[in-house]
């Protein structure tokens, strides 16, 4: 879900000359280039919910996650499927640097809160029992921060130069979250509420386990979408 926000910041930094007229242009020689880029991203906020077809940027809301897995390789496993996430439009870019000489972009993003709904399966051993449930889930996450470093190289095609992004280093931190699960214990509502209260009370611990998975999922999307768009934007036109 963070990947679309991070990608938009990269595009504004890298492709101002090719953007539609409704996007402010930031001169490469501007001594306050980073501030100009951040303002340009903020001005785009109202359009993000519908997407930007001129750049093949999909709509930000609701954002669909087909599947996310928490706990692979451990004794527990939680799987979320068909998740719909809202709230990404309230993001704020708090840091952005474009190192054009090294083809590298540094982006920091904050999102106050997101909400999600979907389906889940859960299998968690405890000292007293194995928690094994399936059903619908909804909840929210707050105070999300992400920092990304996106690196690429220049490739030649038909006499023009294009960016091809190869690697990304992404760090995601979740502040807090709350969730509600139906069907955790099919015939025991009291036990279901007890376990959910325990999970929500220990949300920091569960967020710490989920962060590496969020990082890998978002990183894959950023690389995919960044290259999809960059292949249509000659560097000679972006930075004349």
Protein backbone atom coordinates (compact mmCIF):
# COMPACT_ATOMS: atom_id res chain seq x y z
CA UNK A 1 0.00 0.00 0.00
CA UNK A 2 2.89 2.34 0.60
CA UNK A 3 4.37 1.50 -2.74
CA UNK A 4 2.07 3.79 -4.74
CA UNK A 5 2.88 6.77 -2.51
CA UNK A 6 6.63 6.17 -2.78
CA UNK A 7 6.38 5.68 -6.53
CA UNK A 8 4.55 8.98 -7.03
CA UNK A 9 7.28 10.86 -5.20
CA UNK A 10 9.91 9.24 -7.42
CA UNK A 11 8.00 10.17 -10.58
CA UNK A 12 7.67 13.83 -9.64
CA UNK A 13 11.38 13.98 -8.90
CA UNK A 14 12.41 12.21 -12.09
CA UNK A 15 9.91 13.24 -14.75
CA UNK A 16 8.75 16.82 -14.23
CA UNK A 17 9.33 17.75 -17.88
CA UNK A 18 6.95 15.00 -19.05
CA UNK A 19 4.17 15.50 -16.53
CA UNK A 20 0.77 16.94 -17.52
CA UNK A 21 0.11 20.67 -17.23
CA UNK A 22 -1.67 20.33 -13.88
CA UNK A 23 1.60 19.27 -12.18
CA UNK A 24 4.04 22.06 -11.16
CA UNK A 25 7.45 21.92 -12.85
CA UNK A 26 10.59 22.12 -10.71
CA UNK A 27 13.71 23.44 -12.42
CA UNK A 28 16.83 21.34 -12.04
CA UNK A 29 18.79 24.50 -11.19
CA UNK A 30 16.37 25.48 -8.41
CA UNK A 31 18.40 25.79 -5.16
CA UNK A 32 15.30 24.56 -3.30
CA UNK A 33 14.64 21.66 -5.65
CA UNK A 34 13.62 19.18 -2.95
CA UNK A 35 11.12 21.63 -1.43
CA UNK A 36 9.63 22.28 -4.86
CA UNK A 37 9.23 18.55 -5.50
CA UNK A 38 7.56 17.94 -2.14
CA UNK A 39 5.09 20.78 -2.82
CA UNK A 40 4.36 19.36 -6.27
CA UNK A 41 3.56 15.97 -4.75
CA UNK A 42 1.28 17.60 -2.18
CA UNK A 43 -0.57 19.50 -4.93
CA UNK A 44 -1.30 16.17 -6.63
CA UNK A 45 -3.11 14.74 -3.63
CA UNK A 46 -6.69 15.38 -4.90
CA UNK A 47 -5.96 13.49 -8.15
CA UNK A 48 -4.44 10.43 -6.57
CA UNK A 49 -7.72 8.73 -5.70
CA UNK A 50 -8.63 8.61 -9.41
CA UNK A 51 -5.13 7.81 -10.67
CA UNK A 52 -3.04 9.57 -13.32
CA UNK A 53 -3.59 7.72 -16.62
CA UNK A 54 -1.07 9.94 -18.44
CA UNK A 55 1.65 8.25 -16.36
CA UNK A 56 -0.03 4.86 -15.88
CA UNK A 57 -0.30 5.58 -12.14
CA UNK A 58 -3.28 3.57 -10.80
CA UNK A 59 -5.87 4.97 -8.41
CA UNK A 60 -4.75 4.94 -4.79
CA UNK A 61 -8.04 4.06 -3.21
CA UNK A 62 -9.14 1.58 -2.39
CA UNK A 63 -5.84 -0.28 -2.75
CA UNK A 64 -6.17 -4.06 -3.15
CA UNK A 65 -3.75 -6.58 -1.67
CA UNK A 66 -4.31 -10.08 -3.01
CA UNK A 67 -2.42 -11.81 -0.21
CA UNK A 68 -0.12 -11.00 2.71
CA UNK A 69 1.47 -13.63 4.97
CA UNK A 70 2.68 -13.01 8.52
CA UNK A 71 4.96 -15.57 10.14
CA UNK A 72 6.49 -17.66 7.31
CA UNK A 73 9.27 -19.83 8.69
CA UNK A 74 7.98 -19.54 12.26
CA UNK A 75 5.60 -21.69 14.31
CA UNK A 76 2.68 -19.33 13.64
CA UNK A 77 1.03 -18.27 10.39
CA UNK A 78 -1.50 -15.54 9.57
CA UNK A 79 -2.72 -15.04 5.99
CA UNK A 80 -4.80 -12.10 4.78
CA UNK A 81 -6.50 -12.24 1.37
CA UNK A 82 -8.50 -9.85 -0.79
CA UNK A 83 -7.70 -6.92 1.48
CA UNK A 84 -9.00 -3.45 0.59
CA UNK A 85 -7.01 -0.56 2.08
CA UNK A 86 -8.14 3.08 2.32
CA UNK A 87 -6.47 6.20 3.72
CA UNK A 88 -3.38 6.39 1.50
CA UNK A 89 -4.51 9.74 0.10
CA UNK A 90 -3.60 11.42 3.40
CA UNK A 91 0.12 10.74 2.99
CA UNK A 92 2.82 13.37 3.53
CA UNK A 93 6.31 13.36 2.03
CA UNK A 94 8.66 14.47 4.81
CA UNK A 95 11.93 13.88 2.94
CA UNK A 96 12.89 13.67 -0.73
CA UNK A 97 16.26 13.89 -2.43
CA UNK A 98 17.03 13.19 -6.08
CA UNK A 99 20.68 12.38 -6.80
CA UNK A 100 20.54 12.61 -10.59
CA UNK A 101 24.27 12.00 -11.04
CA UNK A 102 23.98 8.61 -9.30
CA UNK A 103 20.48 7.76 -10.58
CA UNK A 104 19.32 7.44 -6.97
CA UNK A 105 16.20 8.71 -5.21
CA UNK A 106 15.65 9.02 -1.44
CA UNK A 107 12.04 9.26 -0.23
CA UNK A 108 10.43 9.47 3.22
CA UNK A 109 6.65 9.18 3.59
CA UNK A 110 4.23 9.39 6.53
CA UNK A 111 0.63 8.13 6.52
CA UNK A 112 -1.52 9.04 9.56
CA UNK A 113 -3.90 6.08 9.31
CA UNK A 114 -5.17 3.39 6.97
CA UNK A 115 -8.19 1.10 7.24
CA UNK A 116 -8.49 -2.37 5.81
CA UNK A 117 -11.08 -5.12 5.32
CA UNK A 118 -10.75 -8.61 3.91
CA UNK A 119 -10.47 -12.30 4.75
CA UNK A 120 -8.01 -14.17 6.93
CA UNK A 121 -6.82 -17.57 8.15
CA UNK A 122 -4.83 -17.93 11.36
CA UNK A 123 -2.82 -20.72 12.98
CA UNK A 124 -0.98 -19.73 16.17
CA UNK A 125 0.22 -22.11 18.92
CA UNK A 126 0.01 -20.93 22.53
CA UNK A 127 1.00 -22.63 25.80
CA UNK A 128 -2.65 -23.54 26.36
CA UNK A 129 -4.15 -24.16 22.92
CA UNK A 130 -3.71 -23.71 19.18
CA UNK A 131 -5.60 -20.71 17.80
CA UNK A 132 -6.95 -21.83 14.45
CA UNK A 133 -9.58 -19.65 12.78
CA UNK A 134 -10.83 -18.23 9.48
CA UNK A 135 -13.26 -15.52 8.49
CA UNK A 136 -13.51 -11.77 7.86
CA UNK A 137 -11.12 -9.17 9.27
CA UNK A 138 -11.19 -5.38 9.53
CA UNK A 139 -8.99 -2.91 11.32
CA UNK A 140 -6.70 0.10 11.10
CA UNK A 141 -3.02 0.98 11.32
CA UNK A 142 -1.73 4.37 12.44
CA UNK A 143 1.44 6.48 12.33
CA UNK A 144 3.05 4.66 9.39
CA UNK A 145 6.49 5.80 8.24
CA UNK A 146 8.47 4.54 5.26
CA UNK A 147 11.94 5.40 3.98
CA UNK A 148 13.12 4.20 0.60
CA UNK A 149 16.31 4.37 -1.47
CA UNK A 150 15.70 3.56 -5.14
CA UNK A 151 18.71 3.00 -7.39
CA UNK A 152 18.90 2.48 -11.13
CA UNK A 153 21.03 2.66 -14.23
CA UNK A 154 20.73 4.25 -17.66
CA UNK A 155 19.94 2.12 -20.72
CA UNK A 156 19.94 3.15 -24.40
CA UNK A 157 17.04 2.48 -26.75
CA UNK A 158 16.44 3.96 -30.22
CA UNK A 159 19.00 6.68 -29.61
CA UNK A 160 17.44 7.76 -26.31
CA UNK A 161 18.42 7.20 -22.65
CA UNK A 162 16.04 5.71 -20.08
CA UNK A 163 16.13 4.86 -16.38
CA UNK A 164 16.04 1.19 -15.43
CA UNK A 165 15.64 0.76 -11.68
CA UNK A 166 17.41 -2.30 -10.27
CA UNK A 167 17.34 -2.18 -6.47
CA UNK A 168 15.38 -0.66 -3.62
CA UNK A 169 16.11 -0.46 0.09
CA UNK A 170 12.82 0.02 1.94
CA UNK A 171 12.23 0.47 5.67
CA UNK A 172 8.65 0.49 7.02
CA UNK A 173 7.63 1.28 10.60
CA UNK A 174 4.09 0.80 11.92
CA UNK A 175 3.09 2.94 14.89
CA UNK A 176 0.08 0.96 16.12
CA UNK A 177 -2.89 -1.01 14.83
CA UNK A 178 -6.19 -2.51 15.93
CA UNK A 179 -8.13 -5.34 14.30
CA UNK A 180 -11.34 -7.31 14.55
CA UNK A 181 -11.71 -10.91 13.35
CA UNK A 182 -14.95 -12.87 12.90
CA UNK A 183 -14.78 -16.65 13.17
CA UNK A 184 -11.67 -16.84 15.31
CA UNK A 185 -13.48 -19.28 17.61
CA UNK A 186 -16.64 -20.32 15.84
CA UNK A 187 -18.72 -21.28 18.88
CA UNK A 188 -17.05 -19.36 21.69
CA UNK A 189 -17.62 -15.60 21.58
CA UNK A 190 -16.10 -15.04 25.03
CA UNK A 191 -12.85 -16.76 24.08
CA UNK A 192 -12.78 -14.92 20.75
CA UNK A 193 -13.01 -11.53 22.48
CA UNK A 194 -10.34 -12.57 24.98
CA UNK A 195 -7.84 -13.51 22.27
CA UNK A 196 -8.56 -10.40 20.18
CA UNK A 197 -8.00 -8.17 23.20
CA UNK A 198 -4.67 -9.88 23.78
CA UNK A 199 -3.60 -9.36 20.14
CA UNK A 200 -4.60 -5.69 20.19
CA UNK A 201 -2.90 -5.10 23.53
CA UNK A 202 0.34 -6.54 22.07
CA UNK A 203 0.05 -4.79 18.70
CA UNK A 204 3.60 -3.43 18.91
CA UNK A 205 4.96 -6.97 18.97
CA UNK A 206 2.82 -8.09 16.04
CA UNK A 207 3.71 -4.95 14.06
CA UNK A 208 7.41 -5.70 14.56
CA UNK A 209 6.91 -9.14 13.02
CA UNK A 210 4.86 -7.80 10.11
CA UNK A 211 7.19 -4.98 9.05
CA UNK A 212 9.70 -7.12 7.04
CA UNK A 213 6.81 -8.63 5.07
CA UNK A 214 5.36 -5.19 4.30
CA UNK A 215 8.78 -4.05 3.14
CA UNK A 216 9.23 -6.94 0.69
CA UNK A 217 5.73 -6.63 -0.75
CA UNK A 218 5.97 -2.85 -1.23
CA UNK A 219 9.50 -3.02 -2.67
CA UNK A 220 8.43 -5.41 -5.40
CA UNK A 221 5.57 -3.10 -6.44
CA UNK A 222 7.75 0.02 -6.46
CA UNK A 223 10.30 -1.56 -8.80
CA UNK A 224 7.61 -2.94 -11.09
CA UNK A 225 5.66 0.31 -11.43
CA UNK A 226 8.70 2.60 -11.56
CA UNK A 227 10.18 0.68 -14.49
CA UNK A 228 6.81 0.47 -16.26
CA UNK A 229 6.61 4.27 -16.30
CA UNK A 230 10.31 5.14 -16.68
CA UNK A 231 10.59 3.11 -19.89
CA UNK A 232 8.36 5.70 -21.61
CA UNK A 233 10.25 8.79 -20.38
CA UNK A 234 13.53 9.65 -22.17
CA UNK A 235 16.06 11.22 -19.82
CA UNK A 236 16.93 13.81 -22.48
CA UNK A 237 13.34 15.08 -22.25
CA UNK A 238 13.11 14.85 -18.48
CA UNK A 239 16.30 16.82 -17.83
CA UNK A 240 17.04 19.01 -20.87
